Structure formats: C-alpha cells, structure tokens
Amino acid sequence: MLDETGYGRLNFILAITLPTNPRFNIESTQLHVLAHITQAKGAIGDASTRLVSYTKMGRSFVLNITSIECAVGRVETRAKKPNGEWVTVDQSEGLCQTAFHQEEQEFEEDG
C-alpha cells in the first residue's frame, strides 16, 4: 500500500453487498463501501502547508472509502490565470481526521 497525498472530487459513494460465492472464495456475505473520485490534475503537494492549485480534472477511479483520510474544500480564483484555476483549501493540519468505520453486519440469505 502506498501512502500518498492526492486531491480530487468525490463524485459519489457506492455501497455493495457481495453474496457468498465459493467460485470466488467469498465464504460469507461482505459489504464494501467504495468512493468514485475524479483526480484534480496537477494538484501536487500538501495543501495544508502551501497553496496547491489545478485547472483541469483528470481520470476517474474507484477506491475503498477507508482510503480517504480527509475531506477538503476548493475555491475558484482568477488571480494568477485569466481562465481561472482552483485552489485547494486544506485546514486539516492539527484537526481531527475523517474516519470511516464499517460496522460488522449480519445479512440474511435470499431464497
């Protein structure tokens, strides 16, 4: 697993339940909570310590929601670039971090 800071837009959260399936080695029903994110292209660095800006969105991807450590904001500005840019507002340094904890749940089998 890589420990990396990245910025993007959270598009939606998806919760799926995988039923038992010996063919795929799923021995018990499993709940997975996933995040669909679009990358902020060119937003590199730690926005809690310096300005991090970007002008375009990059690729979209899906990851486990527990990979998200912090939710930040963004502000559109036209101060440096005439066509505008987005600046990430990250006030997380020294604050509580976002935590997603999945509770164990029991599922009833259909049928």
Protein backbone atom coordinates (compact mmCIF):
# COMPACT_ATOMS: atom_id res chain seq x y z
CA MET A 1 0.00 0.00 0.00
CA LEU A 2 1.26 3.47 -0.89
CA ASP A 3 0.96 6.41 1.48
CA GLU A 4 0.33 9.31 -0.88
CA THR A 5 -1.45 12.67 -0.74
CA GLY A 6 -3.78 13.30 -3.65
CA TYR A 7 -6.65 15.65 -4.37
CA GLY A 8 -9.82 15.08 -6.32
CA ARG A 9 -13.58 15.46 -6.41
CA LEU A 10 -15.73 12.87 -4.63
CA ASN A 11 -18.45 12.12 -7.19
CA PHE A 12 -20.46 9.55 -5.26
CA ILE A 13 -20.28 6.79 -2.65
CA LEU A 14 -21.37 3.27 -3.56
CA ALA A 15 -22.24 0.51 -1.07
CA ILE A 16 -22.39 -3.00 -2.49
CA THR A 17 -23.04 -6.34 -0.86
CA LEU A 18 -21.27 -9.37 -2.29
CA PRO A 19 -23.14 -12.61 -1.61
CA THR A 20 -21.42 -15.85 -0.70
CA ASN A 21 -19.80 -17.49 -3.72
CA PRO A 22 -17.42 -20.44 -3.42
CA ARG A 23 -16.24 -19.90 -7.02
CA PHE A 24 -14.73 -16.53 -5.99
CA ASN A 25 -13.71 -17.64 -2.46
CA ILE A 26 -16.37 -15.46 -0.81
CA GLU A 27 -17.31 -17.55 2.22
CA SER A 28 -19.66 -15.03 3.84
CA THR A 29 -21.67 -12.04 2.65
CA GLN A 30 -19.49 -8.91 2.53
CA LEU A 31 -20.37 -5.21 2.49
CA HIS A 32 -17.99 -2.95 0.54
CA VAL A 33 -18.23 0.86 0.61
CA LEU A 34 -16.49 2.46 -2.36
CA ALA A 35 -15.76 6.04 -3.41
CA HIS A 36 -15.85 7.23 -7.05
CA ILE A 37 -13.31 10.05 -7.37
CA THR A 38 -12.11 12.28 -10.22
CA GLN A 39 -8.48 13.33 -9.88
CA ALA A 40 -7.56 17.04 -9.65
CA LYS A 41 -4.98 17.03 -12.44
CA GLY A 42 -1.75 18.77 -11.43
CA ALA A 43 -2.72 19.25 -7.76
CA ILE A 44 0.58 18.11 -6.28
CA GLY A 45 1.83 18.79 -2.78
CA ASP A 46 0.45 19.25 0.70
CA ALA A 47 -2.30 21.88 0.67
CA SER A 48 -2.26 22.10 4.47
CA THR A 49 1.16 23.79 4.28
CA ARG A 50 1.14 25.67 0.93
CA LEU A 51 -1.14 26.65 -1.97
CA VAL A 52 -1.96 23.76 -4.29
CA SER A 53 -3.83 24.70 -7.46
CA TYR A 54 -5.11 22.99 -10.60
CA THR A 55 -7.06 23.90 -13.74
CA LYS A 56 -8.31 20.54 -15.04
CA MET A 57 -9.82 17.34 -13.79
CA GLY A 58 -8.07 14.09 -14.65
CA ARG A 59 -9.06 10.44 -14.68
CA SER A 60 -11.79 8.90 -12.55
CA PHE A 61 -11.25 5.88 -10.34
CA VAL A 62 -12.88 3.83 -7.59
CA LEU A 63 -11.27 3.00 -4.26
CA ASN A 64 -12.23 1.71 -0.84
CA ILE A 65 -13.71 4.55 1.22
CA THR A 66 -11.35 3.77 4.10
CA SER A 67 -8.53 5.10 1.88
CA ILE A 68 -9.94 8.62 2.27
CA GLU A 69 -8.26 10.33 5.23
CA CYS A 70 -9.52 13.87 4.91
CA ALA A 71 -12.16 15.95 3.13
CA VAL A 72 -11.04 19.40 1.94
CA GLY A 73 -12.57 22.30 0.02
CA ARG A 74 -11.71 24.27 -3.10
CA VAL A 75 -12.05 27.88 -4.22
CA GLU A 76 -12.10 29.15 -7.80
CA THR A 77 -9.81 32.11 -8.46
CA ARG A 78 -8.77 34.19 -11.45
CA ALA A 79 -5.92 35.99 -9.67
CA LYS A 80 -2.99 34.31 -11.47
CA LYS A 81 -4.53 32.69 -14.56
CA PRO A 82 -7.03 34.58 -16.75
CA ASN A 83 -9.06 31.41 -17.43
CA GLY A 84 -9.17 30.65 -13.73
CA GLU A 85 -7.90 27.88 -11.51
CA TRP A 86 -8.99 26.02 -8.42
CA VAL A 87 -7.05 26.32 -5.16
CA THR A 88 -7.37 23.56 -2.57
CA VAL A 89 -8.32 24.66 0.95
CA ASP A 90 -6.97 22.11 3.42
CA GLN A 91 -7.35 23.07 7.07
CA SER A 92 -6.81 19.52 8.36
CA GLU A 93 -3.36 20.03 9.87
CA GLY A 94 -3.78 19.54 13.61
CA LEU A 95 -7.51 18.83 13.34
CA CYS A 96 -9.39 15.56 13.62
CA GLN A 97 -9.06 13.35 10.57
CA THR A 98 -12.03 11.91 8.70
CA ALA A 99 -12.71 8.33 9.77
CA PHE A 100 -14.91 5.79 8.02
CA HIS A 101 -15.54 2.71 10.13
CA GLN A 102 -17.68 -0.08 8.80
CA GLU A 103 -19.65 -1.90 11.44
CA GLU A 104 -19.96 -5.66 11.15
CA GLN A 105 -23.43 -6.54 9.87
CA GLU A 106 -25.26 -9.79 9.56
CA PHE A 107 -27.06 -10.47 6.30
CA GLU A 108 -29.96 -12.74 5.56
CA GLU A 109 -29.53 -15.03 2.59
CA ASP A 110 -32.18 -14.66 -0.14
CA GLY A 111 -34.05 -17.76 -1.01
